[in-house]
Amino acid sequence: AALEPQWIEAPLDGGPAALFRSITTIDRALGSFRPDIIHAHHRKAA
């Protein structure tokens, strides 16, 4: 709840097409935010 303003809705539990859509969704949602580090916590997330 406290982190909601920084939340990006991107389901990562689907097949290749869903993962590709998630990449596009996250990229667009980041806007001017440019990550110095990306930290993944599952294989699909990686």
PDB file of all heavy atoms in Angstrom:
ATOM      1  N   ALA A   1       0.820  -1.210   0.000  1.00  0.00           N
ATOM      2  CA  ALA A   1       0.000   0.000   0.000  1.00  0.00           C
ATOM      3  C   ALA A   1       0.853   1.259   0.000  1.00  0.00           C
ATOM      4  O   ALA A   1       0.595   2.204  -0.758  1.00  0.00           O
ATOM      5  CB  ALA A   1      -0.946  -0.017   1.196  1.00  0.00           C
ATOM      6  N   ALA A   2       1.885   1.275   0.844  1.00  0.00           N
ATOM      7  CA  ALA A   2       2.731   2.465   0.921  1.00  0.00           C
ATOM      8  C   ALA A   2       3.579   2.650  -0.332  1.00  0.00           C
ATOM      9  O   ALA A   2       4.062   3.747  -0.603  1.00  0.00           O
ATOM     10  CB  ALA A   2       3.634   2.379   2.146  1.00  0.00           C
ATOM     11  N   LEU A   3       3.753   1.568  -1.106  1.00  0.00           N
ATOM     12  CA  LEU A   3       4.589   1.631  -2.307  1.00  0.00           C
ATOM     13  C   LEU A   3       3.764   1.759  -3.580  1.00  0.00           C
ATOM     14  O   LEU A   3       4.314   1.749  -4.678  1.00  0.00           O
ATOM     15  CB  LEU A   3       5.456   0.363  -2.390  1.00  0.00           C
ATOM     16  CG  LEU A   3       6.271   0.006  -1.145  1.00  0.00           C
ATOM     17  CD1 LEU A   3       6.955  -1.340  -1.323  1.00  0.00           C
ATOM     18  CD2 LEU A   3       7.295   1.079  -0.844  1.00  0.00           C
ATOM     19  N   GLU A   4       2.455   1.881  -3.429  1.00  0.00           N
ATOM     20  CA  GLU A   4       1.558   1.865  -4.584  1.00  0.00           C
ATOM     21  C   GLU A   4       1.910   2.890  -5.660  1.00  0.00           C
ATOM     22  O   GLU A   4       1.819   2.580  -6.852  1.00  0.00           O
ATOM     23  CB  GLU A   4       0.105   2.068  -4.119  1.00  0.00           C
ATOM     24  CG  GLU A   4      -0.933   1.967  -5.227  1.00  0.00           C
ATOM     25  CD  GLU A   4      -0.984   0.584  -5.875  1.00  0.00           C
ATOM     26  OE1 GLU A   4      -0.688  -0.400  -5.183  1.00  0.00           O
ATOM     27  OE2 GLU A   4      -1.309   0.506  -7.070  1.00  0.00           O
ATOM     28  N   PRO A   5       2.326   4.104  -5.304  1.00  0.00           N
ATOM     29  CA  PRO A   5       2.664   5.055  -6.376  1.00  0.00           C
ATOM     30  C   PRO A   5       3.782   4.572  -7.299  1.00  0.00           C
ATOM     31  O   PRO A   5       3.895   5.043  -8.430  1.00  0.00           O
ATOM     32  CB  PRO A   5       3.088   6.311  -5.601  1.00  0.00           C
ATOM     33  CG  PRO A   5       2.399   6.200  -4.292  1.00  0.00           C
ATOM     34  CD  PRO A   5       2.393   4.729  -3.976  1.00  0.00           C
ATOM     35  N   GLN A   6       4.615   3.641  -6.783  1.00  0.00           N
ATOM     36  CA  GLN A   6       5.725   3.132  -7.604  1.00  0.00           C
ATOM     37  C   GLN A   6       5.420   1.760  -8.222  1.00  0.00           C
ATOM     38  O   GLN A   6       6.302   1.092  -8.730  1.00  0.00           O
ATOM     39  CB  GLN A   6       6.994   3.022  -6.749  1.00  0.00           C
ATOM     40  CG  GLN A   6       7.568   4.364  -6.290  1.00  0.00           C
ATOM     41  CD  GLN A   6       6.892   4.884  -5.051  1.00  0.00           C
ATOM     42  OE1 GLN A   6       6.414   4.128  -4.211  1.00  0.00           O
ATOM     43  NE2 GLN A   6       6.826   6.200  -4.925  1.00  0.00           N
ATOM     44  N   TRP A   7       4.162   1.337  -8.157  1.00  0.00           N
ATOM     45  CA  TRP A   7       3.807   0.010  -8.641  1.00  0.00           C
ATOM     46  C   TRP A   7       3.501   0.036 -10.143  1.00  0.00           C
ATOM     47  O   TRP A   7       2.802   0.924 -10.625  1.00  0.00           O
ATOM     48  CB  TRP A   7       2.582  -0.516  -7.888  1.00  0.00           C
ATOM     49  CG  TRP A   7       2.219  -1.922  -8.281  1.00  0.00           C
ATOM     50  CD1 TRP A   7       1.379  -2.306  -9.283  1.00  0.00           C
ATOM     51  CD2 TRP A   7       2.730  -3.128  -7.714  1.00  0.00           C
ATOM     52  NE1 TRP A   7       1.323  -3.673  -9.374  1.00  0.00           N
ATOM     53  CE2 TRP A   7       2.151  -4.204  -8.416  1.00  0.00           C
ATOM     54  CE3 TRP A   7       3.624  -3.392  -6.673  1.00  0.00           C
ATOM     55  CZ2 TRP A   7       2.434  -5.529  -8.105  1.00  0.00           C
ATOM     56  CZ3 TRP A   7       3.902  -4.720  -6.374  1.00  0.00           C
ATOM     57  CH2 TRP A   7       3.309  -5.767  -7.083  1.00  0.00           C
ATOM     58  N   ILE A   8       4.025  -0.943 -10.862  1.00  0.00           N
ATOM     59  CA  ILE A   8       3.730  -1.103 -12.292  1.00  0.00           C
ATOM     60  C   ILE A   8       3.049  -2.449 -12.471  1.00  0.00           C
ATOM     61  O   ILE A   8       3.637  -3.500 -12.173  1.00  0.00           O
ATOM     62  CB  ILE A   8       5.012  -1.041 -13.142  1.00  0.00           C
ATOM     63  CG1 ILE A   8       5.712   0.313 -12.962  1.00  0.00           C
ATOM     64  CG2 ILE A   8       4.691  -1.287 -14.613  1.00  0.00           C
ATOM     65  CD1 ILE A   8       7.095   0.381 -13.583  1.00  0.00           C
ATOM     66  N   GLU A   9       1.811  -2.432 -12.920  1.00  0.00           N
ATOM     67  CA  GLU A   9       1.056  -3.665 -13.111  1.00  0.00           C
ATOM     68  C   GLU A   9       1.550  -4.369 -14.372  1.00  0.00           C
ATOM     69  O   GLU A   9       1.395  -3.861 -15.500  1.00  0.00           O
ATOM     70  CB  GLU A   9      -0.434  -3.358 -13.223  1.00  0.00           C
ATOM     71  CG  GLU A   9      -1.307  -4.586 -13.377  1.00  0.00           C
ATOM     72  CD  GLU A   9      -1.398  -5.426 -12.102  1.00  0.00           C
ATOM     73  OE1 GLU A   9      -0.941  -4.946 -11.042  1.00  0.00           O
ATOM     74  OE2 GLU A   9      -1.928  -6.551 -12.169  1.00  0.00           O
ATOM     75  N   ALA A  10       2.170  -5.532 -14.213  1.00  0.00           N
ATOM     76  CA  ALA A  10       2.751  -6.261 -15.342  1.00  0.00           C
ATOM     77  C   ALA A  10       2.776  -7.746 -15.015  1.00  0.00           C
ATOM     78  O   ALA A  10       3.731  -8.235 -14.416  1.00  0.00           O
ATOM     79  CB  ALA A  10       4.162  -5.757 -15.631  1.00  0.00           C
ATOM     80  N   PRO A  11       1.729  -8.489 -15.389  1.00  0.00           N
ATOM     81  CA  PRO A  11       1.713  -9.938 -15.123  1.00  0.00           C
ATOM     82  C   PRO A  11       2.900 -10.637 -15.767  1.00  0.00           C
ATOM     83  O   PRO A  11       3.205 -10.417 -16.940  1.00  0.00           O
ATOM     84  CB  PRO A  11       0.387 -10.387 -15.741  1.00  0.00           C
ATOM     85  CG  PRO A  11      -0.461  -9.159 -15.752  1.00  0.00           C
ATOM     86  CD  PRO A  11       0.490  -8.029 -16.011  1.00  0.00           C
ATOM     87  N   LEU A  12       3.580 -11.467 -14.972  1.00  0.00           N
ATOM     88  CA  LEU A  12       4.790 -12.141 -15.453  1.00  0.00           C
ATOM     89  C   LEU A  12       4.665 -13.657 -15.382  1.00  0.00           C
ATOM     90  O   LEU A  12       5.660 -14.361 -15.320  1.00  0.00           O
ATOM     91  CB  LEU A  12       5.993 -11.693 -14.610  1.00  0.00           C
ATOM     92  CG  LEU A  12       6.343 -10.204 -14.689  1.00  0.00           C
ATOM     93  CD1 LEU A  12       7.423  -9.864 -13.681  1.00  0.00           C
ATOM     94  CD2 LEU A  12       6.804  -9.847 -16.086  1.00  0.00           C
ATOM     95  N   ASP A  13       3.430 -14.155 -15.399  1.00  0.00           N
ATOM     96  CA  ASP A  13       3.238 -15.586 -15.223  1.00  0.00           C
ATOM     97  C   ASP A  13       2.721 -16.263 -16.485  1.00  0.00           C
ATOM     98  O   ASP A  13       2.203 -17.371 -16.429  1.00  0.00           O
ATOM     99  CB  ASP A  13       2.257 -15.837 -14.067  1.00  0.00           C
ATOM    100  CG  ASP A  13       2.538 -17.169 -13.372  1.00  0.00           C
ATOM    101  OD1 ASP A  13       3.637 -17.703 -13.574  1.00  0.00           O
ATOM    102  OD2 ASP A  13       1.672 -17.642 -12.631  1.00  0.00           O
ATOM    103  N   GLY A  14       2.842 -15.599 -17.624  1.00  0.00           N
ATOM    104  CA  GLY A  14       2.329 -16.171 -18.857  1.00  0.00           C
ATOM    105  C   GLY A  14       3.430 -16.714 -19.756  1.00  0.00           C
ATOM    106  O   GLY A  14       4.570 -16.927 -19.330  1.00  0.00           O
ATOM    107  N   GLY A  15       3.074 -16.913 -21.027  1.00  0.00           N
ATOM    108  CA  GLY A  15       4.018 -17.419 -22.010  1.00  0.00           C
ATOM    109  C   GLY A  15       4.831 -16.297 -22.627  1.00  0.00           C
ATOM    110  O   GLY A  15       4.806 -15.151 -22.183  1.00  0.00           O
ATOM    111  N   PRO A  16       5.576 -16.614 -23.715  1.00  0.00           N
ATOM    112  CA  PRO A  16       6.450 -15.617 -24.347  1.00  0.00           C
ATOM    113  C   PRO A  16       5.728 -14.343 -24.771  1.00  0.00           C
ATOM    114  O   PRO A  16       6.257 -13.244 -24.583  1.00  0.00           O
ATOM    115  CB  PRO A  16       7.013 -16.372 -25.563  1.00  0.00           C
ATOM    116  CG  PRO A  16       6.961 -17.810 -25.153  1.00  0.00           C
ATOM    117  CD  PRO A  16       5.726 -17.949 -24.325  1.00  0.00           C
ATOM    118  N   ALA A  17       4.522 -14.468 -25.318  1.00  0.00           N
ATOM    119  CA  ALA A  17       3.802 -13.277 -25.769  1.00  0.00           C
ATOM    120  C   ALA A  17       3.461 -12.374 -24.587  1.00  0.00           C
ATOM    121  O   ALA A  17       3.598 -11.141 -24.658  1.00  0.00           O
ATOM    122  CB  ALA A  17       2.524 -13.675 -26.509  1.00  0.00           C
ATOM    123  N   ALA A  18       3.028 -12.985 -23.471  1.00  0.00           N
ATOM    124  CA  ALA A  18       2.692 -12.193 -22.285  1.00  0.00           C
ATOM    125  C   ALA A  18       3.927 -11.513 -21.704  1.00  0.00           C
ATOM    126  O   ALA A  18       3.863 -10.353 -21.272  1.00  0.00           O
ATOM    127  CB  ALA A  18       2.037 -13.086 -21.232  1.00  0.00           C
ATOM    128  N   LEU A  19       5.053 -12.213 -21.714  1.00  0.00           N
ATOM    129  CA  LEU A  19       6.279 -11.614 -21.196  1.00  0.00           C
ATOM    130  C   LEU A  19       6.729 -10.452 -22.080  1.00  0.00           C
ATOM    131  O   LEU A  19       7.194  -9.419 -21.566  1.00  0.00           O
ATOM    132  CB  LEU A  19       7.382 -12.668 -21.108  1.00  0.00           C
ATOM    133  CG  LEU A  19       7.170 -13.801 -20.100  1.00  0.00           C
ATOM    134  CD1 LEU A  19       8.366 -14.750 -20.105  1.00  0.00           C
ATOM    135  CD2 LEU A  19       6.944 -13.256 -18.701  1.00  0.00           C
ATOM    136  N   PHE A  20       6.576 -10.602 -23.382  1.00  0.00           N
ATOM    137  CA  PHE A  20       6.948  -9.509 -24.290  1.00  0.00           C
ATOM    138  C   PHE A  20       6.074  -8.290 -24.035  1.00  0.00           C
ATOM    139  O   PHE A  20       6.567  -7.155 -24.012  1.00  0.00           O
ATOM    140  CB  PHE A  20       6.830  -9.956 -25.744  1.00  0.00           C
ATOM    141  CG  PHE A  20       7.257  -8.905 -26.732  1.00  0.00           C
ATOM    142  CD1 PHE A  20       8.600  -8.673 -26.992  1.00  0.00           C
ATOM    143  CD2 PHE A  20       6.312  -8.120 -27.373  1.00  0.00           C
ATOM    144  CE1 PHE A  20       8.988  -7.687 -27.879  1.00  0.00           C
ATOM    145  CE2 PHE A  20       6.694  -7.132 -28.280  1.00  0.00           C
ATOM    146  CZ  PHE A  20       8.042  -6.921 -28.524  1.00  0.00           C
ATOM    147  N   ARG A  21       4.775  -8.519 -23.812  1.00  0.00           N
ATOM    148  CA  ARG A  21       3.886  -7.400 -23.520  1.00  0.00           C
ATOM    149  C   ARG A  21       4.268  -6.736 -22.204  1.00  0.00           C
ATOM    150  O   ARG A  21       4.185  -5.505 -22.061  1.00  0.00           O
ATOM    151  CB  ARG A  21       2.434  -7.879 -23.458  1.00  0.00           C
ATOM    152  CG  ARG A  21       1.836  -8.223 -24.819  1.00  0.00           C
ATOM    153  CD  ARG A  21       0.320  -8.359 -24.741  1.00  0.00           C
ATOM    154  NE  ARG A  21      -0.098  -9.430 -23.845  1.00  0.00           N
ATOM    155  CZ  ARG A  21      -0.267 -10.695 -24.226  1.00  0.00           C
ATOM    156  NH1 ARG A  21      -0.050 -11.046 -25.497  1.00  0.00           N
ATOM    157  NH2 ARG A  21      -0.664 -11.613 -23.365  1.00  0.00           N
ATOM    158  N   SER A  22       4.693  -7.556 -21.238  1.00  0.00           N
ATOM    159  CA  SER A  22       5.107  -6.994 -19.952  1.00  0.00           C
ATOM    160  C   SER A  22       6.333  -6.098 -20.104  1.00  0.00           C
ATOM    161  O   SER A  22       6.434  -5.049 -19.453  1.00  0.00           O
ATOM    162  CB  SER A  22       5.396  -8.112 -18.958  1.00  0.00           C
ATOM    163  OG  SER A  22       4.219  -8.801 -18.600  1.00  0.00           O
ATOM    164  N   ILE A  23       7.266  -6.508 -20.959  1.00  0.00           N
ATOM    165  CA  ILE A  23       8.453  -5.681 -21.204  1.00  0.00           C
ATOM    166  C   ILE A  23       8.037  -4.311 -21.734  1.00  0.00           C
ATOM    167  O   ILE A  23       8.500  -3.267 -21.251  1.00  0.00           O
ATOM    168  CB  ILE A  23       9.401  -6.388 -22.202  1.00  0.00           C
ATOM    169  CG1 ILE A  23       9.984  -7.656 -21.574  1.00  0.00           C
ATOM    170  CG2 ILE A  23      10.521  -5.440 -22.628  1.00  0.00           C
ATOM    171  CD1 ILE A  23      10.673  -8.576 -22.574  1.00  0.00           C
ATOM    172  N   THR A  24       7.142  -4.315 -22.701  1.00  0.00           N
ATOM    173  CA  THR A  24       6.670  -3.054 -23.278  1.00  0.00           C
ATOM    174  C   THR A  24       5.917  -2.222 -22.247  1.00  0.00           C
ATOM    175  O   THR A  24       6.107  -1.003 -22.139  1.00  0.00           O
ATOM    176  CB  THR A  24       5.759  -3.344 -24.490  1.00  0.00           C
ATOM    177  OG1 THR A  24       6.473  -4.153 -25.435  1.00  0.00           O
ATOM    178  CG2 THR A  24       5.304  -2.053 -25.159  1.00  0.00           C
ATOM    179  N   THR A  25       5.066  -2.892 -21.449  1.00  0.00           N
ATOM    180  CA  THR A  25       4.285  -2.182 -20.424  1.00  0.00           C
ATOM    181  C   THR A  25       5.203  -1.519 -19.404  1.00  0.00           C
ATOM    182  O   THR A  25       5.015  -0.354 -19.026  1.00  0.00           O
ATOM    183  CB  THR A  25       3.344  -3.166 -19.715  1.00  0.00           C
ATOM    184  OG1 THR A  25       2.417  -3.698 -20.666  1.00  0.00           O
ATOM    185  CG2 THR A  25       2.583  -2.479 -18.589  1.00  0.00           C
ATOM    186  N   ILE A  26       6.193  -2.258 -18.916  1.00  0.00           N
ATOM    187  CA  ILE A  26       7.109  -1.716 -17.906  1.00  0.00           C
ATOM    188  C   ILE A  26       7.907  -0.563 -18.483  1.00  0.00           C
ATOM    189  O   ILE A  26       8.061   0.502 -17.858  1.00  0.00           O
ATOM    190  CB  ILE A  26       8.043  -2.819 -17.379  1.00  0.00           C
ATOM    191  CG1 ILE A  26       7.241  -3.896 -16.641  1.00  0.00           C
ATOM    192  CG2 ILE A  26       9.105  -2.224 -16.452  1.00  0.00           C
ATOM    193  CD1 ILE A  26       8.041  -5.141 -16.323  1.00  0.00           C
ATOM    194  N   ASP A  27       8.413  -0.750 -19.697  1.00  0.00           N
ATOM    195  CA  ASP A  27       9.223   0.284 -20.343  1.00  0.00           C
ATOM    196  C   ASP A  27       8.447   1.596 -20.450  1.00  0.00           C
ATOM    197  O   ASP A  27       8.945   2.676 -20.115  1.00  0.00           O
ATOM    198  CB  ASP A  27       9.656  -0.209 -21.725  1.00  0.00           C
ATOM    199  CG  ASP A  27      10.687   0.706 -22.364  1.00  0.00           C
ATOM    200  OD1 ASP A  27      11.379   1.430 -21.632  1.00  0.00           O
ATOM    201  OD2 ASP A  27      10.796   0.693 -23.605  1.00  0.00           O
ATOM    202  N   ARG A  28       7.193   1.504 -20.876  1.00  0.00           N
ATOM    203  CA  ARG A  28       6.378   2.712 -21.024  1.00  0.00           C
ATOM    204  C   ARG A  28       6.053   3.334 -19.667  1.00  0.00           C
ATOM    205  O   ARG A  28       6.062   4.559 -19.509  1.00  0.00           O
ATOM    206  CB  ARG A  28       5.088   2.375 -21.764  1.00  0.00           C
ATOM    207  CG  ARG A  28       5.291   2.055 -23.238  1.00  0.00           C
ATOM    208  CD  ARG A  28       3.990   1.597 -23.878  1.00  0.00           C
ATOM    209  NE  ARG A  28       4.164   1.344 -25.307  1.00  0.00           N
ATOM    210  CZ  ARG A  28       3.253   0.753 -26.074  1.00  0.00           C
ATOM    211  NH1 ARG A  28       2.092   0.353 -25.545  1.00  0.00           N
ATOM    212  NH2 ARG A  28       3.485   0.566 -27.361  1.00  0.00           N
ATOM    213  N   ALA A  29       5.764   2.480 -18.680  1.00  0.00           N
ATOM    214  CA  ALA A  29       5.370   2.994 -17.367  1.00  0.00           C
ATOM    215  C   ALA A  29       6.516   3.674 -16.632  1.00  0.00           C
ATOM    216  O   ALA A  29       6.280   4.535 -15.772  1.00  0.00           O
ATOM    217  CB  ALA A  29       4.811   1.856 -16.517  1.00  0.00           C
ATOM    218  N   LEU A  30       7.745   3.321 -16.960  1.00  0.00           N
ATOM    219  CA  LEU A  30       8.878   3.927 -16.268  1.00  0.00           C
ATOM    220  C   LEU A  30       9.003   5.412 -16.583  1.00  0.00           C
ATOM    221  O   LEU A  30       9.502   6.190 -15.767  1.00  0.00           O
ATOM    222  CB  LEU A  30      10.176   3.191 -16.629  1.00  0.00           C
ATOM    223  CG  LEU A  30      10.338   1.795 -16.028  1.00  0.00           C
ATOM    224  CD1 LEU A  30      11.602   1.128 -16.556  1.00  0.00           C
ATOM    225  CD2 LEU A  30      10.375   1.842 -14.505  1.00  0.00           C
ATOM    226  N   GLY A  31       8.553   5.807 -17.762  1.00  0.00           N
ATOM    227  CA  GLY A  31       8.599   7.222 -18.126  1.00  0.00           C
ATOM    228  C   GLY A  31      10.013   7.768 -18.048  1.00  0.00           C
ATOM    229  O   GLY A  31      10.937   7.243 -18.675  1.00  0.00           O
ATOM    230  N   SER A  32      10.192   8.813 -17.248  1.00  0.00           N
ATOM    231  CA  SER A  32      11.510   9.439 -17.126  1.00  0.00           C
ATOM    232  C   SER A  32      12.416   8.717 -16.130  1.00  0.00           C
ATOM    233  O   SER A  32      13.589   9.074 -15.986  1.00  0.00           O
ATOM    234  CB  SER A  32      11.350  10.899 -16.704  1.00  0.00           C
ATOM    235  OG  SER A  32      10.708  10.988 -15.446  1.00  0.00           O
ATOM    236  N   PHE A  33      11.874   7.715 -15.423  1.00  0.00           N
ATOM    237  CA  PHE A  33      12.665   6.949 -14.454  1.00  0.00           C
ATOM    238  C   PHE A  33      13.650   6.061 -15.202  1.00  0.00           C
ATOM    239  O   PHE A  33      13.260   5.245 -16.049  1.00  0.00           O
ATOM    240  CB  PHE A  33      11.735   6.099 -13.594  1.00  0.00           C
ATOM    241  CG  PHE A  33      12.428   5.266 -12.540  1.00  0.00           C
ATOM    242  CD1 PHE A  33      12.670   5.773 -11.278  1.00  0.00           C
ATOM    243  CD2 PHE A  33      12.824   3.955 -12.810  1.00  0.00           C
ATOM    244  CE1 PHE A  33      13.286   5.013 -10.296  1.00  0.00           C
ATOM    245  CE2 PHE A  33      13.445   3.188 -11.845  1.00  0.00           C
ATOM    246  CZ  PHE A  33      13.677   3.717 -10.587  1.00  0.00           C
ATOM    247  N   ARG A  34      14.922   6.204 -14.918  1.00  0.00           N
ATOM    248  CA  ARG A  34      15.951   5.396 -15.565  1.00  0.00           C
ATOM    249  C   ARG A  34      16.666   4.553 -14.514  1.00  0.00           C
ATOM    250  O   ARG A  34      17.392   5.088 -13.669  1.00  0.00           O
ATOM    251  CB  ARG A  34      16.962   6.284 -16.302  1.00  0.00           C
ATOM    252  CG  ARG A  34      16.373   6.993 -17.517  1.00  0.00           C
ATOM    253  CD  ARG A  34      15.978   5.948 -18.562  1.00  0.00           C
ATOM    254  NE  ARG A  34      15.415   6.529 -19.761  1.00  0.00           N
ATOM    255  CZ  ARG A  34      14.123   6.691 -19.985  1.00  0.00           C
ATOM    256  NH1 ARG A  34      13.246   6.337 -19.038  1.00  0.00           N
ATOM    257  NH2 ARG A  34      13.670   7.194 -21.100  1.00  0.00           N
ATOM    258  N   PRO A  35      16.460   3.239 -14.525  1.00  0.00           N
ATOM    259  CA  PRO A  35      17.059   2.405 -13.472  1.00  0.00           C
ATOM    260  C   PRO A  35      18.570   2.303 -13.579  1.00  0.00           C
ATOM    261  O   PRO A  35      19.125   2.200 -14.677  1.00  0.00           O
ATOM    262  CB  PRO A  35      16.399   1.036 -13.705  1.00  0.00           C
ATOM    263  CG  PRO A  35      15.969   1.040 -15.131  1.00  0.00           C
ATOM    264  CD  PRO A  35      15.640   2.464 -15.472  1.00  0.00           C
ATOM    265  N   ASP A  36      19.211   2.371 -12.427  1.00  0.00           N
ATOM    266  CA  ASP A  36      20.642   2.073 -12.335  1.00  0.00           C
ATOM    267  C   ASP A  36      20.865   0.582 -12.112  1.00  0.00           C
ATOM    268  O   ASP A  36      21.929   0.051 -12.433  1.00  0.00           O
ATOM    269  CB  ASP A  36      21.266   2.842 -11.169  1.00  0.00           C
ATOM    270  CG  ASP A  36      21.115   4.344 -11.314  1.00  0.00           C
ATOM    271  OD1 ASP A  36      21.560   4.883 -12.337  1.00  0.00           O
ATOM    272  OD2 ASP A  36      20.532   4.957 -10.399  1.00  0.00           O
ATOM    273  N   ILE A  37      19.863  -0.077 -11.522  1.00  0.00           N
ATOM    274  CA  ILE A  37      19.902  -1.508 -11.221  1.00  0.00           C
ATOM    275  C   ILE A  37      18.529  -2.086 -11.514  1.00  0.00           C
ATOM    276  O   ILE A  37      17.505  -1.487 -11.167  1.00  0.00           O
ATOM    277  CB  ILE A  37      20.246  -1.772  -9.739  1.00  0.00           C
ATOM    278  CG1 ILE A  37      21.685  -1.352  -9.417  1.00  0.00           C
ATOM    279  CG2 ILE A  37      20.005  -3.232  -9.344  1.00  0.00           C
ATOM    280  CD1 ILE A  37      22.750  -2.275 -10.001  1.00  0.00           C
ATOM    281  N   ILE A  38      18.498  -3.267 -12.121  1.00  0.00           N
ATOM    282  CA  ILE A  38      17.263  -4.040 -12.224  1.00  0.00           C
ATOM    283  C   ILE A  38      17.472  -5.313 -11.419  1.00  0.00           C
ATOM    284  O   ILE A  38      18.459  -6.028 -11.596  1.00  0.00           O
ATOM    285  CB  ILE A  38      16.902  -4.349 -13.682  1.00  0.00           C
ATOM    286  CG1 ILE A  38      16.596  -3.046 -14.422  1.00  0.00           C
ATOM    287  CG2 ILE A  38      15.700  -5.299 -13.753  1.00  0.00           C
ATOM    288  CD1 ILE A  38      16.331  -3.223 -15.899  1.00  0.00           C
ATOM    289  N   HIS A  39      16.542  -5.579 -10.507  1.00  0.00           N
ATOM    290  CA  HIS A  39      16.662  -6.705  -9.589  1.00  0.00           C
ATOM    291  C   HIS A  39      15.485  -7.647  -9.818  1.00  0.00           C
ATOM    292  O   HIS A  39      14.338  -7.275  -9.576  1.00  0.00           O
ATOM    293  CB  HIS A  39      16.673  -6.187  -8.153  1.00  0.00           C
ATOM    294  CG  HIS A  39      17.064  -7.209  -7.139  1.00  0.00           C
ATOM    295  ND1 HIS A  39      17.454  -6.881  -5.851  1.00  0.00           N
ATOM    296  CD2 HIS A  39      17.127  -8.570  -7.195  1.00  0.00           C
ATOM    297  CE1 HIS A  39      17.728  -7.974  -5.183  1.00  0.00           C
ATOM    298  NE2 HIS A  39      17.528  -9.025  -5.971  1.00  0.00           N
ATOM    299  N   ALA A  40      15.771  -8.852 -10.296  1.00  0.00           N
ATOM    300  CA  ALA A  40      14.730  -9.838 -10.608  1.00  0.00           C
ATOM    301  C   ALA A  40      14.693 -10.915  -9.534  1.00  0.00           C
ATOM    302  O   ALA A  40      15.724 -11.291  -8.967  1.00  0.00           O
ATOM    303  CB  ALA A  40      14.987 -10.475 -11.970  1.00  0.00           C
ATOM    304  N   HIS A  41      13.473 -11.449  -9.297  1.00  0.00           N
ATOM    305  CA  HIS A  41      13.279 -12.394  -8.199  1.00  0.00           C
ATOM    306  C   HIS A  41      12.641 -13.712  -8.634  1.00  0.00           C
ATOM    307  O   HIS A  41      12.310 -14.524  -7.777  1.00  0.00           O
ATOM    308  CB  HIS A  41      12.421 -11.743  -7.104  1.00  0.00           C
ATOM    309  CG  HIS A  41      13.079 -10.554  -6.473  1.00  0.00           C
ATOM    310  ND1 HIS A  41      13.875 -10.638  -5.354  1.00  0.00           N
ATOM    311  CD2 HIS A  41      13.072  -9.246  -6.830  1.00  0.00           C
ATOM    312  CE1 HIS A  41      14.324  -9.433  -5.039  1.00  0.00           C
ATOM    313  NE2 HIS A  41      13.852  -8.572  -5.917  1.00  0.00           N
ATOM    314  N   HIS A  42      12.445 -13.926  -9.918  1.00  0.00           N
ATOM    315  CA  HIS A  42      11.993 -15.209 -10.455  1.00  0.00           C
ATOM    316  C   HIS A  42      12.646 -15.377 -11.825  1.00  0.00           C
ATOM    317  O   HIS A  42      13.120 -14.400 -12.423  1.00  0.00           O
ATOM    318  CB  HIS A  42      10.466 -15.262 -10.633  1.00  0.00           C
ATOM    319  CG  HIS A  42       9.697 -15.135  -9.364  1.00  0.00           C
ATOM    320  ND1 HIS A  42       9.286 -13.923  -8.861  1.00  0.00           N
ATOM    321  CD2 HIS A  42       9.266 -16.078  -8.486  1.00  0.00           C
ATOM    322  CE1 HIS A  42       8.624 -14.109  -7.732  1.00  0.00           C
ATOM    323  NE2 HIS A  42       8.598 -15.402  -7.480  1.00  0.00           N
ATOM    324  N   ARG A  43      12.608 -16.603 -12.341  1.00  0.00           N
ATOM    325  CA  ARG A  43      13.252 -16.818 -13.636  1.00  0.00           C
ATOM    326  C   ARG A  43      12.561 -16.056 -14.763  1.00  0.00           C
ATOM    327  O   ARG A  43      13.225 -15.474 -15.615  1.00  0.00           O
ATOM    328  CB  ARG A  43      13.316 -18.325 -13.941  1.00  0.00           C
ATOM    329  CG  ARG A  43      14.425 -19.005 -13.160  1.00  0.00           C
ATOM    330  CD  ARG A  43      14.744 -20.374 -13.673  1.00  0.00           C
ATOM    331  NE  ARG A  43      13.723 -21.341 -13.312  1.00  0.00           N
ATOM    332  CZ  ARG A  43      13.896 -22.668 -13.412  1.00  0.00           C
ATOM    333  NH1 ARG A  43      15.035 -23.157 -13.873  1.00  0.00           N
ATOM    334  NH2 ARG A  43      12.945 -23.495 -13.057  1.00  0.00           N
ATOM    335  N   LYS A  44      11.233 -16.048 -14.775  1.00  0.00           N
ATOM    336  CA  LYS A  44      10.539 -15.279 -15.807  1.00  0.00           C
ATOM    337  C   LYS A  44      10.797 -13.784 -15.634  1.00  0.00           C
ATOM    338  O   LYS A  44      10.941 -13.049 -16.611  1.00  0.00           O
ATOM    339  CB  LYS A  44       9.043 -15.583 -15.787  1.00  0.00           C
ATOM    340  CG  LYS A  44       8.693 -16.955 -16.348  1.00  0.00           C
ATOM    341  CD  LYS A  44       7.186 -17.155 -16.442  1.00  0.00           C
ATOM    342  CE  LYS A  44       6.853 -18.491 -17.073  1.00  0.00           C
ATOM    343  NZ  LYS A  44       5.395 -18.720 -17.181  1.00  0.00           N
ATOM    344  N   ALA A  45      10.842 -13.358 -14.383  1.00  0.00           N
ATOM    345  CA  ALA A  45      11.158 -11.954 -14.120  1.00  0.00           C
ATOM    346  C   ALA A  45      12.550 -11.612 -14.627  1.00  0.00           C
ATOM    347  O   ALA A  45      12.791 -10.498 -15.113  1.00  0.00           O
ATOM    348  CB  ALA A  45      11.047 -11.670 -12.627  1.00  0.00           C
ATOM    349  N   ALA A  46      13.475 -12.564 -14.533  1.00  0.00           N
ATOM    350  CA  ALA A  46      14.832 -12.323 -15.012  1.00  0.00           C
ATOM    351  C   ALA A  46      14.876 -12.188 -16.535  1.00  0.00           C
ATOM    352  O   ALA A  46      15.658 -11.401 -17.075  1.00  0.00           O
ATOM    353  CB  ALA A  46      15.756 -13.448 -14.557  1.00  0.00           C
TER     354      ALA A  46
END
